[in-house]
N, C-alpha and C. Protein backbone atom coordinates (compact mmCIF):
# COMPACT_ATOMS: atom_id res chain seq x y z
N UNK A 1 22.64 -50.63 -42.42
CA UNK A 1 23.48 -51.67 -41.80
C UNK A 1 24.71 -51.04 -41.45
N UNK A 2 25.35 -51.21 -40.41
CA UNK A 2 26.64 -50.54 -39.97
C UNK A 2 27.74 -51.28 -40.71
N UNK A 3 28.67 -50.62 -40.93
CA UNK A 3 29.98 -51.31 -41.55
C UNK A 3 30.95 -51.44 -40.41
N UNK A 4 31.61 -52.67 -40.28
CA UNK A 4 32.51 -52.95 -39.10
C UNK A 4 33.79 -53.54 -39.78
N UNK A 5 34.77 -52.80 -39.60
CA UNK A 5 36.01 -53.21 -40.23
C UNK A 5 36.94 -54.06 -39.22
N UNK A 6 37.73 -54.82 -39.66
CA UNK A 6 38.57 -55.68 -38.95
C UNK A 6 39.39 -54.76 -38.07
N UNK A 7 39.85 -55.09 -36.96
CA UNK A 7 40.90 -54.17 -36.10
C UNK A 7 42.24 -53.82 -36.76
N UNK A 8 42.73 -54.70 -37.80
CA UNK A 8 43.87 -54.35 -38.45
C UNK A 8 43.54 -53.21 -39.46
N UNK A 9 42.54 -53.33 -40.23
CA UNK A 9 42.05 -52.26 -41.04
C UNK A 9 41.80 -50.92 -40.37
N UNK A 10 41.31 -51.06 -39.16
CA UNK A 10 40.97 -49.88 -38.40
C UNK A 10 42.44 -49.18 -37.84
N UNK A 11 43.42 -50.01 -37.52
CA UNK A 11 44.54 -49.59 -37.15
C UNK A 11 45.28 -48.89 -38.34
N UNK A 12 45.26 -49.59 -39.50
CA UNK A 12 45.87 -48.98 -40.62
C UNK A 12 45.32 -47.59 -41.13
N UNK A 13 44.00 -47.33 -40.87
CA UNK A 13 43.28 -46.14 -40.99
C UNK A 13 43.63 -45.04 -40.14
N UNK A 14 43.84 -45.51 -38.75
CA UNK A 14 44.30 -44.51 -37.79
C UNK A 14 45.86 -44.34 -37.95
N UNK A 15 46.60 -45.23 -38.52
CA UNK A 15 48.12 -45.04 -38.75
C UNK A 15 48.23 -43.87 -40.02
N UNK A 16 47.35 -44.09 -40.93
CA UNK A 16 47.44 -43.04 -42.10
C UNK A 16 46.84 -41.73 -41.74
N UNK A 17 46.04 -41.79 -40.76
CA UNK A 17 45.45 -40.51 -40.40
C UNK A 17 46.57 -39.69 -39.53
N UNK A 18 47.15 -40.56 -38.57
CA UNK A 18 48.16 -39.94 -37.70
C UNK A 18 49.45 -39.38 -38.70
N UNK A 19 49.66 -40.09 -39.60
CA UNK A 19 50.79 -39.72 -40.50
C UNK A 19 50.38 -38.38 -41.24
N UNK A 20 49.17 -38.26 -41.66
CA UNK A 20 48.73 -37.11 -42.35
C UNK A 20 48.82 -35.86 -41.48
N UNK A 21 48.37 -36.12 -40.10
CA UNK A 21 48.41 -35.08 -39.14
C UNK A 21 49.71 -34.65 -38.89
N UNK A 22 50.56 -35.58 -38.68
CA UNK A 22 52.18 -35.31 -38.39
C UNK A 22 52.63 -34.39 -39.46
N UNK A 23 52.30 -34.70 -40.82
CA UNK A 23 52.79 -33.79 -41.75
C UNK A 23 52.26 -32.57 -41.72
N UNK A 24 51.08 -32.23 -41.45
CA UNK A 24 50.57 -30.87 -41.39
C UNK A 24 51.26 -30.23 -40.13
N UNK A 25 51.46 -30.99 -39.05
CA UNK A 25 52.03 -30.35 -37.80
C UNK A 25 53.43 -29.88 -38.12
N UNK A 26 54.17 -30.78 -38.77
CA UNK A 26 55.46 -30.58 -39.14
C UNK A 26 55.69 -29.32 -40.02
N UNK A 27 54.79 -29.20 -40.97
CA UNK A 27 54.91 -27.98 -41.81
C UNK A 27 54.59 -26.71 -40.96
N UNK A 28 53.59 -26.83 -40.10
CA UNK A 28 53.29 -25.68 -39.45
C UNK A 28 54.37 -25.16 -38.46
N UNK A 29 55.01 -26.33 -37.82
CA UNK A 29 56.17 -25.92 -37.07
C UNK A 29 57.31 -25.37 -37.87
N UNK A 30 57.54 -25.89 -39.05
CA UNK A 30 58.46 -25.15 -39.92
C UNK A 30 58.21 -23.71 -40.21
N UNK A 31 56.93 -23.40 -40.60
CA UNK A 31 56.40 -22.16 -40.90
C UNK A 31 56.69 -21.26 -39.48
N UNK A 32 56.43 -21.77 -38.36
CA UNK A 32 56.58 -20.95 -37.21
C UNK A 32 58.07 -20.67 -37.14
N UNK A 33 58.85 -21.68 -37.10
CA UNK A 33 60.27 -21.62 -36.97
C UNK A 33 60.80 -20.48 -37.81
N UNK A 34 60.39 -20.66 -39.11
CA UNK A 34 60.90 -19.65 -40.08
C UNK A 34 60.58 -18.16 -39.80
N UNK A 35 59.36 -18.05 -39.23
CA UNK A 35 58.61 -16.82 -38.90
C UNK A 35 59.45 -16.20 -37.72
N UNK A 36 59.81 -17.10 -36.77
CA UNK A 36 60.58 -16.60 -35.62
C UNK A 36 62.07 -16.17 -36.01
N UNK A 37 62.52 -16.84 -36.98
CA UNK A 37 63.86 -16.42 -37.47
C UNK A 37 63.89 -15.19 -38.21
N UNK A 38 62.90 -15.02 -38.92
CA UNK A 38 62.64 -13.57 -39.55
C UNK A 38 62.56 -12.43 -38.60
N UNK A 39 61.74 -12.67 -37.63
CA UNK A 39 61.53 -11.55 -36.47
C UNK A 39 62.82 -11.40 -35.68
N UNK A 40 63.54 -12.41 -35.62
CA UNK A 40 64.86 -12.28 -34.88
C UNK A 40 65.75 -11.32 -35.62
N UNK A 41 65.75 -11.72 -36.93
CA UNK A 41 66.79 -10.93 -37.93
C UNK A 41 66.29 -9.49 -37.95
N UNK A 42 64.82 -9.25 -37.90
CA UNK A 42 64.52 -7.90 -38.01
C UNK A 42 64.85 -7.12 -36.69
N UNK A 43 64.70 -7.79 -35.49
CA UNK A 43 65.11 -7.20 -34.25
C UNK A 43 66.46 -6.89 -34.25
N UNK A 44 67.32 -7.65 -34.61
CA UNK A 44 68.86 -7.56 -34.69
C UNK A 44 69.00 -6.23 -35.41
N UNK A 45 68.38 -6.18 -36.75
CA UNK A 45 68.60 -4.93 -37.49
C UNK A 45 68.10 -3.56 -36.93
N UNK A 46 66.95 -3.65 -36.20
CA UNK A 46 66.53 -2.62 -35.54
C UNK A 46 67.41 -2.12 -34.39
N UNK A 47 67.78 -3.10 -33.64
CA UNK A 47 68.71 -2.72 -32.34
C UNK A 47 70.16 -2.24 -33.03
N UNK A 48 70.72 -2.82 -34.15
CA UNK A 48 71.75 -2.15 -34.65
C UNK A 48 71.71 -0.76 -35.16
N UNK A 49 70.45 -0.50 -35.73
CA UNK A 49 70.23 0.94 -36.27
C UNK A 49 70.06 1.96 -34.90
N UNK A 50 69.55 1.38 -33.92
CA UNK A 50 69.25 2.26 -32.75
C UNK A 50 70.60 2.68 -31.94
N UNK A 51 71.61 1.84 -32.08
CA UNK A 51 72.97 2.25 -31.39
C UNK A 51 73.70 3.47 -32.08
């Protein structure tokens, strides 16, 4: 027998899932931003040494 939940329960489940995905994406974006800042700092150092 299939389980059918009320629309409100379904919405709450989707809302929780969206929040979890949002947290993962936010962490991933933060990691990417930090990596880009590191690369930029390394490039500045290399360019300064080349002059």
